[in-house]
PDB file of N, CA and C in Angstrom:
ATOM      1  N   UNK A   1       0.828  -1.202   0.000  1.00  0.00           N
ATOM      2  CA  UNK A   1       0.000   0.000   0.000  1.00  0.00           C
ATOM      3  C   UNK A   1       0.862   1.251   0.000  1.00  0.00           C
ATOM      4  N   UNK A   2       1.896   1.278   0.832  1.00  0.00           N
ATOM      5  CA  UNK A   2       2.659   2.509   0.975  1.00  0.00           C
ATOM      6  C   UNK A   2       3.393   2.892  -0.299  1.00  0.00           C
ATOM      7  N   UNK A   3       3.872   1.939  -1.089  1.00  0.00           N
ATOM      8  CA  UNK A   3       4.558   2.275  -2.335  1.00  0.00           C
ATOM      9  C   UNK A   3       3.593   2.955  -3.292  1.00  0.00           C
ATOM     10  N   UNK A   4       2.382   2.401  -3.421  1.00  0.00           N
ATOM     11  CA  UNK A   4       1.380   3.001  -4.287  1.00  0.00           C
ATOM     12  C   UNK A   4       0.994   4.380  -3.771  1.00  0.00           C
ATOM     13  N   UNK A   5       0.824   4.507  -2.478  1.00  0.00           N
ATOM     14  CA  UNK A   5       0.400   5.754  -1.871  1.00  0.00           C
ATOM     15  C   UNK A   5       1.374   6.875  -2.182  1.00  0.00           C
ATOM     16  N   UNK A   6       2.639   6.630  -1.974  1.00  0.00           N
ATOM     17  CA  UNK A   6       3.622   7.699  -2.147  1.00  0.00           C
ATOM     18  C   UNK A   6       3.933   7.967  -3.603  1.00  0.00           C
ATOM     19  N   UNK A   7       3.930   6.960  -4.468  1.00  0.00           N
ATOM     20  CA  UNK A   7       4.255   7.207  -5.872  1.00  0.00           C
ATOM     21  C   UNK A   7       3.187   8.066  -6.543  1.00  0.00           C
ATOM     22  N   UNK A   8       1.913   7.829  -6.222  1.00  0.00           N
ATOM     23  CA  UNK A   8       0.849   8.621  -6.830  1.00  0.00           C
ATOM     24  C   UNK A   8       0.691   9.983  -6.177  1.00  0.00           C
ATOM     25  N   UNK A   9       0.877  10.058  -4.886  1.00  0.00           N
ATOM     26  CA  UNK A   9       0.648  11.329  -4.198  1.00  0.00           C
ATOM     27  C   UNK A   9       1.669  12.375  -4.608  1.00  0.00           C
ATOM     28  N   UNK A  10       2.893  11.975  -4.892  1.00  0.00           N
ATOM     29  CA  UNK A  10       3.892  12.960  -5.276  1.00  0.00           C
ATOM     30  C   UNK A  10       3.677  13.456  -6.692  1.00  0.00           C
ATOM     31  N   UNK A  11       2.939  12.711  -7.514  1.00  0.00           N
ATOM     32  CA  UNK A  11       2.686  13.158  -8.876  1.00  0.00           C
ATOM     33  C   UNK A  11       1.404  13.991  -8.970  1.00  0.00           C
ATOM     34  N   UNK A  12       0.699  14.191  -7.855  1.00  0.00           N
ATOM     35  CA  UNK A  12      -0.474  15.047  -7.829  1.00  0.00           C
ATOM     36  C   UNK A  12      -1.731  14.417  -8.387  1.00  0.00           C
ATOM     37  N   UNK A  13      -1.829  13.097  -8.403  1.00  0.00           N
ATOM     38  CA  UNK A  13      -2.983  12.433  -8.982  1.00  0.00           C
ATOM     39  C   UNK A  13      -4.124  12.248  -7.991  1.00  0.00           C
ATOM     40  N   UNK A  14      -3.934  12.602  -6.736  1.00  0.00           N
ATOM     41  CA  UNK A  14      -4.976  12.445  -5.728  1.00  0.00           C
ATOM     42  C   UNK A  14      -5.418  13.809  -5.221  1.00  0.00           C
ATOM     43  N   UNK A  15      -6.697  13.910  -4.895  1.00  0.00           N
ATOM     44  CA  UNK A  15      -7.179  15.115  -4.243  1.00  0.00           C
ATOM     45  C   UNK A  15      -6.750  15.065  -2.779  1.00  0.00           C
ATOM     46  N   UNK A  16      -6.858  16.175  -2.103  1.00  0.00           N
ATOM     47  CA  UNK A  16      -6.486  16.232  -0.687  1.00  0.00           C
ATOM     48  C   UNK A  16      -7.360  15.293   0.138  1.00  0.00           C
ATOM     49  N   UNK A  17      -8.652  15.220  -0.180  1.00  0.00           N
ATOM     50  CA  UNK A  17      -9.561  14.320   0.550  1.00  0.00           C
ATOM     51  C   UNK A  17      -9.171  12.858   0.366  1.00  0.00           C
ATOM     52  N   UNK A  18      -8.808  12.492  -0.865  1.00  0.00           N
ATOM     53  CA  UNK A  18      -8.414  11.114  -1.150  1.00  0.00           C
ATOM     54  C   UNK A  18      -7.107  10.781  -0.439  1.00  0.00           C
ATOM     55  N   UNK A  19      -6.160  11.690  -0.511  1.00  0.00           N
ATOM     56  CA  UNK A  19      -4.871  11.475   0.143  1.00  0.00           C
ATOM     57  C   UNK A  19      -5.053  11.337   1.652  1.00  0.00           C
ATOM     58  N   UNK A  20      -5.910  12.153   2.221  1.00  0.00           N
ATOM     59  CA  UNK A  20      -6.195  12.072   3.655  1.00  0.00           C
ATOM     60  C   UNK A  20      -6.762  10.690   4.013  1.00  0.00           C
ATOM     61  N   UNK A  21      -7.720  10.217   3.229  1.00  0.00           N
ATOM     62  CA  UNK A  21      -8.329   8.908   3.496  1.00  0.00           C
ATOM     63  C   UNK A  21      -7.306   7.785   3.342  1.00  0.00           C
ATOM     64  N   UNK A  22      -6.455   7.867   2.330  1.00  0.00           N
ATOM     65  CA  UNK A  22      -5.429   6.845   2.127  1.00  0.00           C
ATOM     66  C   UNK A  22      -4.427   6.824   3.284  1.00  0.00           C
ATOM     67  N   UNK A  23      -4.023   8.000   3.726  1.00  0.00           N
ATOM     68  CA  UNK A  23      -3.090   8.060   4.856  1.00  0.00           C
ATOM     69  C   UNK A  23      -3.707   7.495   6.130  1.00  0.00           C
ATOM     70  N   UNK A  24      -4.953   7.832   6.383  1.00  0.00           N
ATOM     71  CA  UNK A  24      -5.620   7.322   7.578  1.00  0.00           C
ATOM     72  C   UNK A  24      -5.753   5.800   7.511  1.00  0.00           C
ATOM     73  N   UNK A  25      -6.084   5.281   6.342  1.00  0.00           N
ATOM     74  CA  UNK A  25      -6.209   3.838   6.179  1.00  0.00           C
ATOM     75  C   UNK A  25      -4.857   3.149   6.362  1.00  0.00           C
ATOM     76  N   UNK A  26      -3.817   3.716   5.745  1.00  0.00           N
ATOM     77  CA  UNK A  26      -2.479   3.130   5.858  1.00  0.00           C
ATOM     78  C   UNK A  26      -1.986   3.174   7.304  1.00  0.00           C
ATOM     79  N   UNK A  27      -2.270   4.263   8.016  1.00  0.00           N
ATOM     80  CA  UNK A  27      -1.871   4.371   9.420  1.00  0.00           C
ATOM     81  C   UNK A  27      -2.598   3.316  10.260  1.00  0.00           C
ATOM     82  N   UNK A  28      -3.881   3.116   9.995  1.00  0.00           N
ATOM     83  CA  UNK A  28      -4.652   2.109  10.733  1.00  0.00           C
ATOM     84  C   UNK A  28      -4.124   0.705  10.458  1.00  0.00           C
ATOM     85  N   UNK A  29      -3.785   0.447   9.196  1.00  0.00           N
ATOM     86  CA  UNK A  29      -3.260  -0.883   8.846  1.00  0.00           C
ATOM     87  C   UNK A  29      -1.950  -1.172   9.569  1.00  0.00           C
ATOM     88  N   UNK A  30      -1.053  -0.199   9.608  1.00  0.00           N
ATOM     89  CA  UNK A  30       0.241  -0.437  10.248  1.00  0.00           C
ATOM     90  C   UNK A  30       0.092  -0.514  11.770  1.00  0.00           C
ATOM     91  N   UNK A  31      -0.894   0.170  12.326  1.00  0.00           N
ATOM     92  CA  UNK A  31      -1.157   0.035  13.765  1.00  0.00           C
ATOM     93  C   UNK A  31      -1.629  -1.388  14.086  1.00  0.00           C
ATOM     94  N   UNK A  32      -2.446  -1.938  13.195  1.00  0.00           N
ATOM     95  CA  UNK A  32      -2.883  -3.326  13.391  1.00  0.00           C
ATOM     96  C   UNK A  32      -1.690  -4.280  13.305  1.00  0.00           C
ATOM     97  N   UNK A  33      -0.758  -3.998  12.390  1.00  0.00           N
ATOM     98  CA  UNK A  33       0.447  -4.819  12.284  1.00  0.00           C
ATOM     99  C   UNK A  33       1.257  -4.765  13.575  1.00  0.00           C
ATOM    100  N   UNK A  34       1.350  -3.582  14.188  1.00  0.00           N
ATOM    101  CA  UNK A  34       2.117  -3.488  15.442  1.00  0.00           C
ATOM    102  C   UNK A  34       1.404  -4.236  16.563  1.00  0.00           C
ATOM    103  N   UNK A  35       0.078  -4.222  16.566  1.00  0.00           N
ATOM    104  CA  UNK A  35      -0.648  -4.995  17.572  1.00  0.00           C
ATOM    105  C   UNK A  35      -0.371  -6.490  17.409  1.00  0.00           C
ATOM    106  N   UNK A  36      -0.320  -6.939  16.145  1.00  0.00           N
ATOM    107  CA  UNK A  36       0.007  -8.343  15.883  1.00  0.00           C
ATOM    108  C   UNK A  36       1.444  -8.659  16.309  1.00  0.00           C
ATOM    109  N   UNK A  37       2.361  -7.712  16.109  1.00  0.00           N
ATOM    110  CA  UNK A  37       3.738  -7.903  16.560  1.00  0.00           C
ATOM    111  C   UNK A  37       3.806  -8.068  18.073  1.00  0.00           C
ATOM    112  N   UNK A  38       3.062  -7.233  18.781  1.00  0.00           N
ATOM    113  CA  UNK A  38       3.048  -7.318  20.243  1.00  0.00           C
ATOM    114  C   UNK A  38       2.529  -8.684  20.677  1.00  0.00           C
ATOM    115  N   UNK A  39       1.449  -9.113  20.058  1.00  0.00           N
ATOM    116  CA  UNK A  39       0.899 -10.424  20.411  1.00  0.00           C
ATOM    117  C   UNK A  39       1.897 -11.534  20.099  1.00  0.00           C
ATOM    118  N   UNK A  40       2.575 -11.430  18.978  1.00  0.00           N
ATOM    119  CA  UNK A  40       3.583 -12.411  18.599  1.00  0.00           C
ATOM    120  C   UNK A  40       4.718 -12.449  19.620  1.00  0.00           C
ATOM    121  N   UNK A  41       5.126 -11.271  20.075  1.00  0.00           N
ATOM    122  CA  UNK A  41       6.183 -11.194  21.079  1.00  0.00           C
ATOM    123  C   UNK A  41       5.719 -11.802  22.402  1.00  0.00           C
ATOM    124  N   UNK A  42       4.495 -11.468  22.796  1.00  0.00           N
ATOM    125  CA  UNK A  42       3.962 -12.002  24.052  1.00  0.00           C
ATOM    126  C   UNK A  42       3.795 -13.522  24.001  1.00  0.00           C
ATOM    127  N   UNK A  43       3.594 -14.065  22.817  1.00  0.00           N
ATOM    128  CA  UNK A  43       3.477 -15.511  22.649  1.00  0.00           C
ATOM    129  C   UNK A  43       4.852 -16.176  22.484  1.00  0.00           C
ATOM    130  N   UNK A  44       5.902 -15.394  22.730  1.00  0.00           N
ATOM    131  CA  UNK A  44       7.298 -15.882  22.632  1.00  0.00           C
ATOM    132  C   UNK A  44       7.658 -16.378  21.234  1.00  0.00           C
ATOM    133  N   UNK A  45       7.119 -15.725  20.204  1.00  0.00           N
ATOM    134  CA  UNK A  45       7.435 -16.103  18.834  1.00  0.00           C
ATOM    135  C   UNK A  45       8.566 -15.266  18.252  1.00  0.00           C
ATOM    136  N   UNK A  46       9.003 -14.231  18.988  1.00  0.00           N
ATOM    137  CA  UNK A  46      10.063 -13.350  18.511  1.00  0.00           C
ATOM    138  C   UNK A  46      11.038 -13.060  19.641  1.00  0.00           C
ATOM    139  N   UNK A  47      12.261 -12.777  19.238  1.00  0.00           N
ATOM    140  CA  UNK A  47      13.272 -12.339  20.201  1.00  0.00           C
ATOM    141  C   UNK A  47      13.075 -10.855  20.482  1.00  0.00           C
ATOM    142  N   UNK A  48      13.581 -10.386  21.598  1.00  0.00           N
ATOM    143  CA  UNK A  48      13.408  -8.996  22.031  1.00  0.00           C
ATOM    144  C   UNK A  48      13.987  -8.023  21.008  1.00  0.00           C
ATOM    145  N   UNK A  49      15.231  -8.254  20.569  1.00  0.00           N
ATOM    146  CA  UNK A  49      15.873  -7.327  19.635  1.00  0.00           C
ATOM    147  C   UNK A  49      15.118  -7.241  18.307  1.00  0.00           C
ATOM    148  N   UNK A  50      14.711  -8.379  17.794  1.00  0.00           N
ATOM    149  CA  UNK A  50      13.953  -8.410  16.540  1.00  0.00           C
ATOM    150  C   UNK A  50      12.629  -7.668  16.707  1.00  0.00           C
ATOM    151  N   UNK A  51      11.948  -7.936  17.819  1.00  0.00           N
ATOM    152  CA  UNK A  51      10.669  -7.291  18.097  1.00  0.00           C
ATOM    153  C   UNK A  51      10.833  -5.771  18.184  1.00  0.00           C
ATOM    154  N   UNK A  52      11.791  -5.316  18.967  1.00  0.00           N
ATOM    155  CA  UNK A  52      11.983  -3.872  19.149  1.00  0.00           C
ATOM    156  C   UNK A  52      12.302  -3.163  17.843  1.00  0.00           C
ATOM    157  N   UNK A  53      13.161  -3.742  17.044  1.00  0.00           N
ATOM    158  CA  UNK A  53      13.530  -3.121  15.768  1.00  0.00           C
ATOM    159  C   UNK A  53      12.309  -2.968  14.864  1.00  0.00           C
ATOM    160  N   UNK A  54      11.566  -4.034  14.712  1.00  0.00           N
ATOM    161  CA  UNK A  54      10.399  -4.000  13.831  1.00  0.00           C
ATOM    162  C   UNK A  54       9.275  -3.143  14.410  1.00  0.00           C
ATOM    163  N   UNK A  55       9.016  -3.272  15.701  1.00  0.00           N
ATOM    164  CA  UNK A  55       7.942  -2.529  16.359  1.00  0.00           C
ATOM    165  C   UNK A  55       8.180  -1.025  16.274  1.00  0.00           C
ATOM    166  N   UNK A  56       9.387  -0.593  16.634  1.00  0.00           N
ATOM    167  CA  UNK A  56       9.685   0.844  16.632  1.00  0.00           C
ATOM    168  C   UNK A  56       9.605   1.430  15.223  1.00  0.00           C
ATOM    169  N   UNK A  57      10.079   0.700  14.259  1.00  0.00           N
ATOM    170  CA  UNK A  57      10.011   1.176  12.881  1.00  0.00           C
ATOM    171  C   UNK A  57       8.565   1.354  12.426  1.00  0.00           C
ATOM    172  N   UNK A  58       7.729   0.369  12.710  1.00  0.00           N
ATOM    173  CA  UNK A  58       6.326   0.433  12.285  1.00  0.00           C
ATOM    174  C   UNK A  58       5.556   1.507  13.052  1.00  0.00           C
ATOM    175  N   UNK A  59       5.831   1.660  14.333  1.00  0.00           N
ATOM    176  CA  UNK A  59       5.148   2.701  15.117  1.00  0.00           C
ATOM    177  C   UNK A  59       5.518   4.096  14.609  1.00  0.00           C
ATOM    178  N   UNK A  60       6.780   4.264  14.267  1.00  0.00           N
ATOM    179  CA  UNK A  60       7.216   5.557  13.726  1.00  0.00           C
ATOM    180  C   UNK A  60       6.459   5.865  12.433  1.00  0.00           C
ATOM    181  N   UNK A  61       6.368   4.886  11.559  1.00  0.00           N
ATOM    182  CA  UNK A  61       5.648   5.062  10.300  1.00  0.00           C
ATOM    183  C   UNK A  61       4.174   5.377  10.557  1.00  0.00           C
ATOM    184  N   UNK A  62       3.567   4.677  11.487  1.00  0.00           N
ATOM    185  CA  UNK A  62       2.157   4.918  11.816  1.00  0.00           C
ATOM    186  C   UNK A  62       1.952   6.343  12.329  1.00  0.00           C
ATOM    187  N   UNK A  63       2.825   6.799  13.204  1.00  0.00           N
ATOM    188  CA  UNK A  63       2.709   8.155  13.740  1.00  0.00           C
ATOM    189  C   UNK A  63       2.891   9.202  12.646  1.00  0.00           C
ATOM    190  N   UNK A  64       3.863   9.007  11.779  1.00  0.00           N
ATOM    191  CA  UNK A  64       4.083   9.968  10.691  1.00  0.00           C
ATOM    192  C   UNK A  64       2.868  10.049   9.773  1.00  0.00           C
ATOM    193  N   UNK A  65       2.279   8.917   9.467  1.00  0.00           N
ATOM    194  CA  UNK A  65       1.087   8.918   8.610  1.00  0.00           C
ATOM    195  C   UNK A  65      -0.080   9.609   9.285  1.00  0.00           C
ATOM    196  N   UNK A  66      -0.245   9.371  10.573  1.00  0.00           N
ATOM    197  CA  UNK A  66      -1.338  10.018  11.301  1.00  0.00           C
ATOM    198  C   UNK A  66      -1.129  11.536  11.330  1.00  0.00           C
ATOM    199  N   UNK A  67       0.090  11.971  11.576  1.00  0.00           N
ATOM    200  CA  UNK A  67       0.392  13.406  11.610  1.00  0.00           C
ATOM    201  C   UNK A  67       0.131  14.037  10.246  1.00  0.00           C
ATOM    202  N   UNK A  68       0.547  13.371   9.182  1.00  0.00           N
ATOM    203  CA  UNK A  68       0.312  13.898   7.833  1.00  0.00           C
ATOM    204  C   UNK A  68      -1.171  13.960   7.518  1.00  0.00           C
ATOM    205  N   UNK A  69      -1.928  12.946   7.918  1.00  0.00           N
ATOM    206  CA  UNK A  69      -3.375  12.949   7.688  1.00  0.00           C
ATOM    207  C   UNK A  69      -4.039  14.091   8.461  1.00  0.00           C
ATOM    208  N   UNK A  70      -3.592  14.338   9.695  1.00  0.00           N
ATOM    209  CA  UNK A  70      -4.143  15.437  10.486  1.00  0.00           C
ATOM    210  C   UNK A  70      -3.794  16.785   9.862  1.00  0.00           C
ATOM    211  N   UNK A  71      -2.601  16.913   9.308  1.00  0.00           N
ATOM    212  CA  UNK A  71      -2.198  18.160   8.661  1.00  0.00           C
ATOM    213  C   UNK A  71      -3.061  18.414   7.424  1.00  0.00           C
ATOM    214  N   UNK A  72      -3.308  17.372   6.646  1.00  0.00           N
ATOM    215  CA  UNK A  72      -4.174  17.521   5.473  1.00  0.00           C
ATOM    216  C   UNK A  72      -5.586  17.898   5.907  1.00  0.00           C
ATOM    217  N   UNK A  73      -6.073  17.309   6.990  1.00  0.00           N
ATOM    218  CA  UNK A  73      -7.390  17.659   7.522  1.00  0.00           C
ATOM    219  C   UNK A  73      -7.445  19.139   7.878  1.00  0.00           C
ATOM    220  N   UNK A  74      -6.398  19.622   8.518  1.00  0.00           N
ATOM    221  CA  UNK A  74      -6.320  21.037   8.888  1.00  0.00           C
ATOM    222  C   UNK A  74      -6.325  21.939   7.656  1.00  0.00           C
ATOM    223  N   UNK A  75      -5.564  21.561   6.641  1.00  0.00           N
ATOM    224  CA  UNK A  75      -5.506  22.362   5.413  1.00  0.00           C
ATOM    225  C   UNK A  75      -6.868  22.382   4.727  1.00  0.00           C
ATOM    226  N   UNK A  76      -7.519  21.233   4.655  1.00  0.00           N
ATOM    227  CA  UNK A  76      -8.848  21.157   4.035  1.00  0.00           C
ATOM    228  C   UNK A  76      -9.838  22.038   4.801  1.00  0.00           C
ATOM    229  N   UNK A  77      -9.789  21.997   6.122  1.00  0.00           N
ATOM    230  CA  UNK A  77     -10.695  22.817   6.941  1.00  0.00           C
ATOM    231  C   UNK A  77     -10.462  24.300   6.703  1.00  0.00           C
ATOM    232  N   UNK A  78      -9.193  24.692   6.622  1.00  0.00           N
ATOM    233  CA  UNK A  78      -8.868  26.097   6.372  1.00  0.00           C
ATOM    234  C   UNK A  78      -9.354  26.532   4.995  1.00  0.00           C
ATOM    235  N   UNK A  79      -9.185  25.681   3.985  1.00  0.00           N
ATOM    236  CA  UNK A  79      -9.645  26.024   2.648  1.00  0.00           C
ATOM    237  C   UNK A  79     -11.159  26.134   2.601  1.00  0.00           C
ATOM    238  N   UNK A  80     -11.851  25.227   3.273  1.00  0.00           N
ATOM    239  CA  UNK A  80     -13.310  25.279   3.297  1.00  0.00           C
ATOM    240  C   UNK A  80     -13.803  26.514   4.022  1.00  0.00           C
ATOM    241  N   UNK A  81     -13.158  26.868   5.118  1.00  0.00           N
ATOM    242  CA  UNK A  81     -13.553  28.064   5.867  1.00  0.00           C
ATOM    243  C   UNK A  81     -13.297  29.314   5.045  1.00  0.00           C
ATOM    244  N   UNK A  82     -12.178  29.341   4.341  1.00  0.00           N
ATOM    245  CA  UNK A  82     -11.835  30.509   3.526  1.00  0.00           C
ATOM    246  C   UNK A  82     -12.806  30.659   2.362  1.00  0.00           C
ATOM    247  N   UNK A  83     -13.130  29.562   1.681  1.00  0.00           N
ATOM    248  CA  UNK A  83     -14.033  29.648   0.531  1.00  0.00           C
ATOM    249  C   UNK A  83     -15.450  30.001   0.964  1.00  0.00           C
ATOM    250  N   UNK A  84     -15.840  29.636   2.179  1.00  0.00           N
ATOM    251  CA  UNK A  84     -17.180  29.973   2.674  1.00  0.00           C
ATOM    252  C   UNK A  84     -17.318  31.460   2.956  1.00  0.00           C
ATOM    253  N   UNK A  85     -16.210  32.139   3.236  1.00  0.00           N
ATOM    254  CA  UNK A  85     -16.264  33.556   3.557  1.00  0.00           C
ATOM    255  C   UNK A  85     -15.943  34.453   2.366  1.00  0.00           C
ATOM    256  N   UNK A  86     -15.703  33.895   1.224  1.00  0.00           N
ATOM    257  CA  UNK A  86     -15.403  34.682   0.040  1.00  0.00           C
ATOM    258  C   UNK A  86     -16.707  35.181  -0.561  1.00  0.00           C
ATOM    259  N   UNK A  87     -16.790  36.494  -0.809  1.00  0.00           N
ATOM    260  CA  UNK A  87     -17.977  37.079  -1.409  1.00  0.00           C
ATOM    261  C   UNK A  87     -17.583  37.764  -2.704  1.00  0.00           C
ATOM    262  N   UNK A  88     -18.524  37.886  -3.653  1.00  0.00           N
ATOM    263  CA  UNK A  88     -18.184  38.496  -4.930  1.00  0.00           C
ATOM    264  C   UNK A  88     -18.069  40.016  -4.876  1.00  0.00           C
ATOM    265  N   UNK A  89     -18.410  40.628  -3.772  1.00  0.00           N
ATOM    266  CA  UNK A  89     -18.308  42.078  -3.666  1.00  0.00           C
ATOM    267  C   UNK A  89     -17.785  42.440  -2.274  1.00  0.00           C
ATOM    268  N   UNK A  90     -17.258  43.633  -2.115  1.00  0.00           N
ATOM    269  CA  UNK A  90     -16.661  43.997  -0.827  1.00  0.00           C
ATOM    270  C   UNK A  90     -17.702  44.070   0.281  1.00  0.00           C
ATOM    271  N   UNK A  91     -17.274  43.867   1.513  1.00  0.00           N
ATOM    272  CA  UNK A  91     -18.222  43.936   2.635  1.00  0.00           C
ATOM    273  C   UNK A  91     -18.713  45.367   2.823  1.00  0.00           C
ATOM    274  N   UNK A  92     -19.898  45.515   3.385  1.00  0.00           N
ATOM    275  CA  UNK A  92     -20.425  46.862   3.599  1.00  0.00           C
ATOM    276  C   UNK A  92     -19.606  47.589   4.659  1.00  0.00           C
ATOM    277  N   UNK A  93     -19.493  48.912   4.523  1.00  0.00           N
ATOM    278  CA  UNK A  93     -18.760  49.679   5.533  1.00  0.00           C
ATOM    279  C   UNK A  93     -19.520  49.657   6.858  1.00  0.00           C
ATOM    280  N   UNK A  94     -18.798  49.796   7.929  1.00  0.00           N
ATOM    281  CA  UNK A  94     -19.438  49.828   9.244  1.00  0.00           C
ATOM    282  C   UNK A  94     -20.070  51.186   9.474  1.00  0.00           C
ATOM    283  N   UNK A  95     -21.114  51.222  10.303  1.00  0.00           N
ATOM    284  CA  UNK A  95     -21.765  52.478  10.633  1.00  0.00           C
ATOM    285  C   UNK A  95     -20.781  53.369  11.388  1.00  0.00           C
ATOM    286  N   UNK A  96     -20.737  54.621  11.031  1.00  0.00           N
ATOM    287  CA  UNK A  96     -19.826  55.549  11.698  1.00  0.00           C
ATOM    288  C   UNK A  96     -18.395  55.378  11.248  1.00  0.00           C
ATOM    289  N   UNK A  97     -18.197  54.736  10.110  1.00  0.00           N
ATOM    290  CA  UNK A  97     -16.855  54.505   9.601  1.00  0.00           C
ATOM    291  C   UNK A  97     -16.271  55.704   8.900  1.00  0.00           C
ATOM    292  N   UNK A  98     -16.968  56.839   8.920  1.00  0.00           N
ATOM    293  CA  UNK A  98     -16.445  58.041   8.313  1.00  0.00           C
ATOM    294  C   UNK A  98     -16.655  58.093   6.808  1.00  0.00           C
ATOM    295  N   UNK A  99     -17.469  57.225   6.277  1.00  0.00           N
ATOM    296  CA  UNK A  99     -17.701  57.213   4.838  1.00  0.00           C
ATOM    297  C   UNK A  99     -18.897  58.107   4.526  1.00  0.00           C
ATOM    298  N   UNK A 100     -18.909  58.634   3.326  1.00  0.00           N
ATOM    299  CA  UNK A 100     -19.975  59.548   2.924  1.00  0.00           C
ATOM    300  C   UNK A 100     -21.247  58.809   2.543  1.00  0.00           C
ATOM    301  N   UNK A 101     -21.178  57.526   2.302  1.00  0.00           N
ATOM    302  CA  UNK A 101     -22.342  56.768   1.881  1.00  0.00           C
ATOM    303  C   UNK A 101     -23.062  56.184   3.090  1.00  0.00           C
ATOM    304  N   UNK A 102     -24.371  56.053   2.982  1.00  0.00           N
ATOM    305  CA  UNK A 102     -25.153  55.454   4.055  1.00  0.00           C
ATOM    306  C   UNK A 102     -25.002  53.938   4.071  1.00  0.00           C
ATOM    307  N   UNK A 103     -25.113  53.330   5.237  1.00  0.00           N
ATOM    308  CA  UNK A 103     -24.961  51.894   5.373  1.00  0.00           C
ATOM    309  C   UNK A 103     -26.036  51.104   4.642  1.00  0.00           C
ATOM    310  N   UNK A 104     -27.267  51.682   4.530  1.00  0.00           N
ATOM    311  CA  UNK A 104     -28.353  50.978   3.869  1.00  0.00           C
ATOM    312  C   UNK A 104     -28.056  50.768   2.391  1.00  0.00           C
ATOM    313  N   UNK A 105     -27.266  51.673   1.823  1.00  0.00           N
ATOM    314  CA  UNK A 105     -26.921  51.576   0.409  1.00  0.00           C
ATOM    315  C   UNK A 105     -26.161  50.284   0.132  1.00  0.00           C
ATOM    316  N   UNK A 106     -25.408  49.757   1.103  1.00  0.00           N
ATOM    317  CA  UNK A 106     -24.548  48.596   0.887  1.00  0.00           C
ATOM    318  C   UNK A 106     -25.240  47.275   1.243  1.00  0.00           C
ATOM    319  N   UNK A 107     -26.533  47.290   1.481  1.00  0.00           N
ATOM    320  CA  UNK A 107     -27.237  46.063   1.813  1.00  0.00           C
ATOM    321  C   UNK A 107     -27.352  45.143   0.595  1.00  0.00           C
ATOM    322  N   UNK A 108     -27.243  45.687  -0.600  1.00  0.00           N
ATOM    323  CA  UNK A 108     -27.265  44.896  -1.821  1.00  0.00           C
ATOM    324  C   UNK A 108     -25.947  45.110  -2.555  1.00  0.00           C
ATOM    325  N   UNK A 109     -25.602  44.244  -3.491  1.00  0.00           N
ATOM    326  CA  UNK A 109     -24.327  44.397  -4.187  1.00  0.00           C
ATOM    327  C   UNK A 109     -24.302  45.559  -5.180  1.00  0.00           C
ATOM    328  N   UNK A 110     -25.426  46.261  -5.333  1.00  0.00           N
ATOM    329  CA  UNK A 110     -25.493  47.406  -6.228  1.00  0.00           C
ATOM    330  C   UNK A 110     -26.271  48.517  -5.532  1.00  0.00           C
ATOM    331  N   UNK A 111     -26.049  49.742  -5.912  1.00  0.00           N
ATOM    332  CA  UNK A 111     -26.753  50.853  -5.240  1.00  0.00           C
ATOM    333  C   UNK A 111     -28.256  50.752  -5.464  1.00  0.00           C
ATOM    334  N   UNK A 112     -29.020  50.994  -4.428  1.00  0.00           N
ATOM    335  CA  UNK A 112     -30.477  50.974  -4.542  1.00  0.00           C
ATOM    336  C   UNK A 112     -31.055  52.380  -4.531  1.00  0.00           C
ATOM    337  N   UNK A 113     -30.208  53.385  -4.341  1.00  0.00           N
ATOM    338  CA  UNK A 113     -30.632  54.774  -4.328  1.00  0.00           C
ATOM    339  C   UNK A 113     -29.810  55.540  -5.359  1.00  0.00           C
ATOM    340  N   UNK A 114     -30.340  56.629  -5.862  1.00  0.00           N
ATOM    341  CA  UNK A 114     -29.559  57.431  -6.808  1.00  0.00           C
ATOM    342  C   UNK A 114     -28.300  57.967  -6.122  1.00  0.00           C
ATOM    343  N   UNK A 115     -27.229  58.030  -6.864  1.00  0.00           N
ATOM    344  CA  UNK A 115     -25.960  58.513  -6.331  1.00  0.00           C
ATOM    345  C   UNK A 115     -25.639  59.925  -6.803  1.00  0.00           C
ATOM    346  N   UNK A 116     -26.657  60.657  -7.321  1.00  0.00           N
ATOM    347  CA  UNK A 116     -26.457  62.020  -7.814  1.00  0.00           C
ATOM    348  C   UNK A 116     -25.400  62.068  -8.897  1.00  0.00           C
ATOM    349  N   UNK A 117     -25.442  61.087  -9.762  1.00  0.00           N
ATOM    350  CA  UNK A 117     -24.525  61.070 -10.885  1.00  0.00           C
ATOM    351  C   UNK A 117     -25.300  61.412 -12.151  1.00  0.00           C
ATOM    352  N   UNK A 118     -24.660  62.053 -13.091  1.00  0.00           N
ATOM    353  CA  UNK A 118     -25.375  62.375 -14.332  1.00  0.00           C
ATOM    354  C   UNK A 118     -25.713  61.108 -15.100  1.00  0.00           C
ATOM    355  N   UNK A 119     -26.893  61.106 -15.676  1.00  0.00           N
ATOM    356  CA  UNK A 119     -27.332  59.967 -16.471  1.00  0.00           C
ATOM    357  C   UNK A 119     -26.908  60.184 -17.915  1.00  0.00           C
ATOM    358  N   UNK A 120     -26.640  59.124 -18.622  1.00  0.00           N
ATOM    359  CA  UNK A 120     -26.274  59.296 -20.032  1.00  0.00           C
ATOM    360  C   UNK A 120     -27.457  59.819 -20.830  1.00  0.00           C
ATOM    361  N   UNK A 121     -27.171  60.643 -21.824  1.00  0.00           N
ATOM    362  CA  UNK A 121     -28.243  61.209 -22.650  1.00  0.00           C
ATOM    363  C   UNK A 121     -28.746  60.193 -23.642  1.00  0.00           C
ATOM    364  N   UNK A 122     -30.051  60.005 -23.684  1.00  0.00           N
ATOM    365  CA  UNK A 122     -30.652  59.085 -24.646  1.00  0.00           C
ATOM    366  C   UNK A 122     -31.263  59.910 -25.764  1.00  0.00           C
ATOM    367  N   UNK A 123     -30.949  59.581 -26.967  1.00  0.00           N
ATOM    368  CA  UNK A 123     -31.458  60.341 -28.114  1.00  0.00           C
ATOM    369  C   UNK A 123     -32.384  59.541 -28.950  1.00  0.00           C
TER     370      UNK A 123
END
């Protein structure tokens, strides 16, 4: 799984959501492997040195994947929050902001009252 995960992710073929799900799945799989290692060790099927080397390596990989998945989650949340607050026109000025225009004028994206501007001549 990890070879496929990293070869495709570096080429940009996955969306952030897909990459997040793949990382979470890979982290869960390797955590299950470490649980099996612990059980194997407790059943006296492995020597201490062999167990420690393999266990520590797999736990490190699991933690790194979890951290990366959490970072992607954070980035996705920030992007979603930012896109939700994007508007096609500037926000209305605050009352008492020292502007010459009334606040009611900015309730719509276009002026609803005449602005005392000359109108084009129609012939």
